[in-house]
Amino acid sequence: ATMEAMLSPTYTHTDFAGVSFDRPGWLDYVGRRQGQSTTIDFDALAVRRFGDMAVVNGINDIHWHGGDEDEPNDQRIRFTQVWRRDGESWIREAFHATPVGRDD
């Protein structure tokens, strides 16, 4: 319910592996991750606002454990998010990730 409330009806998501999702596909993916432990650290965060739109760039260090493989997994990405003001709330319109090395 939290993810549904924060995503635009026209939401698009491209993950670090290059897989693209529309809103229903992303919500289905997130729902299948039940039982997995994920933490996401943010670094080098920058927000630029243009009226009712905002672009957020930064780095995520993603750590997850569980699911099909019981081994912990780590990924570092640079991301871009596009947010849009919808009444009193901000909703995410788009997300795009690119994998980067630990020194980036």
Protein backbone atom coordinates (compact mmCIF):
# COMPACT_ATOMS: atom_id res chain seq x y z
CA ALA A 1 0.00 0.00 0.00
CA THR A 2 2.87 2.38 0.77
CA MET A 3 4.52 1.77 -2.60
CA GLU A 4 1.20 2.13 -4.44
CA ALA A 5 0.60 5.52 -2.80
CA MET A 6 4.02 6.89 -3.75
CA LEU A 7 4.02 5.89 -7.44
CA SER A 8 2.42 7.75 -10.34
CA PRO A 9 -0.14 5.84 -12.45
CA THR A 10 2.33 6.24 -15.35
CA TYR A 11 5.42 5.20 -13.34
CA THR A 12 8.42 3.63 -15.09
CA HIS A 13 11.35 1.89 -13.40
CA THR A 14 14.63 0.68 -14.91
CA ASP A 15 16.78 -1.29 -12.49
CA PHE A 16 20.58 -1.70 -12.40
CA ALA A 17 20.38 -4.80 -14.62
CA GLY A 18 18.54 -2.86 -17.33
CA VAL A 19 15.16 -4.45 -16.65
CA SER A 20 12.27 -2.03 -17.24
CA PHE A 21 8.97 -2.13 -15.39
CA ASP A 22 5.73 -0.20 -15.65
CA ARG A 23 3.83 0.55 -12.44
CA PRO A 24 1.93 -2.79 -12.23
CA GLY A 25 5.09 -4.74 -13.06
CA TRP A 26 7.14 -2.92 -10.43
CA LEU A 27 4.48 -3.41 -7.75
CA ASP A 28 4.31 -7.13 -8.64
CA TYR A 29 8.11 -7.40 -8.36
CA VAL A 30 8.13 -5.64 -4.99
CA GLY A 31 5.32 -7.89 -3.75
CA ARG A 32 7.32 -11.01 -4.66
CA ARG A 33 10.21 -9.80 -2.50
CA GLN A 34 8.26 -10.52 0.70
CA GLY A 35 10.56 -12.11 3.27
CA GLN A 36 13.72 -10.60 1.86
CA SER A 37 15.73 -8.20 3.98
CA THR A 38 16.87 -5.09 2.10
CA THR A 39 18.68 -1.99 3.29
CA ILE A 40 19.47 0.97 1.07
CA ASP A 41 22.03 3.61 1.99
CA PHE A 42 22.00 6.99 0.21
CA ASP A 43 25.09 9.04 -0.68
CA ALA A 44 25.87 12.11 -2.82
CA LEU A 45 22.20 13.08 -2.84
CA ALA A 46 21.22 16.09 -4.99
CA VAL A 47 17.71 17.46 -5.47
CA ARG A 48 16.75 19.97 -8.14
CA ARG A 49 13.21 21.33 -8.09
CA PHE A 50 11.41 22.78 -11.09
CA GLY A 51 8.00 23.97 -9.87
CA ASP A 52 5.89 20.84 -9.39
CA MET A 53 8.67 18.54 -10.63
CA ALA A 54 11.88 17.42 -8.95
CA VAL A 55 14.90 15.45 -10.13
CA VAL A 56 16.82 13.49 -7.50
CA ASN A 57 20.28 12.05 -8.21
CA GLY A 58 22.55 10.10 -5.95
CA ILE A 59 24.24 6.84 -5.09
CA ASN A 60 22.60 3.85 -3.40
CA ASP A 61 24.43 1.05 -1.66
CA ILE A 62 21.89 -1.77 -1.69
CA HIS A 63 22.25 -4.80 0.58
CA TRP A 64 19.73 -7.64 0.47
CA HIS A 65 19.47 -11.14 1.87
CA GLY A 66 16.91 -13.88 1.34
CA GLY A 67 14.75 -15.08 -1.50
CA ASP A 68 15.92 -17.76 -3.91
CA GLU A 69 19.57 -17.35 -3.01
CA ASP A 70 20.36 -17.36 0.69
CA GLU A 71 23.66 -15.53 0.17
CA PRO A 72 23.75 -11.78 0.84
CA ASN A 73 23.97 -9.57 -2.24
CA ASP A 74 25.37 -6.06 -2.59
CA GLN A 75 25.07 -3.53 -5.40
CA ARG A 76 26.17 0.09 -5.74
CA ILE A 77 24.22 2.23 -8.20
CA ARG A 78 23.90 5.79 -9.39
CA PHE A 79 20.24 6.66 -9.68
CA THR A 80 17.95 9.29 -11.08
CA GLN A 81 14.41 9.72 -9.80
CA VAL A 82 11.77 12.05 -11.18
CA TRP A 83 9.10 13.21 -8.72
CA ARG A 84 5.90 15.16 -9.40
CA ARG A 85 3.77 17.13 -6.98
CA ASP A 86 0.23 15.74 -6.92
CA GLY A 87 -1.93 17.93 -4.67
CA GLU A 88 -0.31 17.87 -1.24
CA SER A 89 1.89 14.83 -1.98
CA TRP A 90 4.92 14.03 -4.09
CA ILE A 91 4.73 10.92 -6.28
CA ARG A 92 7.53 9.22 -8.16
CA GLU A 93 7.22 9.26 -11.96
CA ALA A 94 10.43 7.50 -12.95
CA PHE A 95 13.50 5.73 -11.63
CA HIS A 96 16.65 4.74 -13.50
CA ALA A 97 19.75 3.01 -12.12
CA THR A 98 23.27 2.38 -13.41
CA PRO A 99 25.66 0.03 -11.61
CA VAL A 100 28.93 1.61 -10.49
CA GLY A 101 32.03 0.44 -8.66
CA ARG A 102 32.77 0.97 -4.98
CA ASP A 103 35.16 3.84 -5.76
CA ASP A 104 32.62 5.86 -7.78
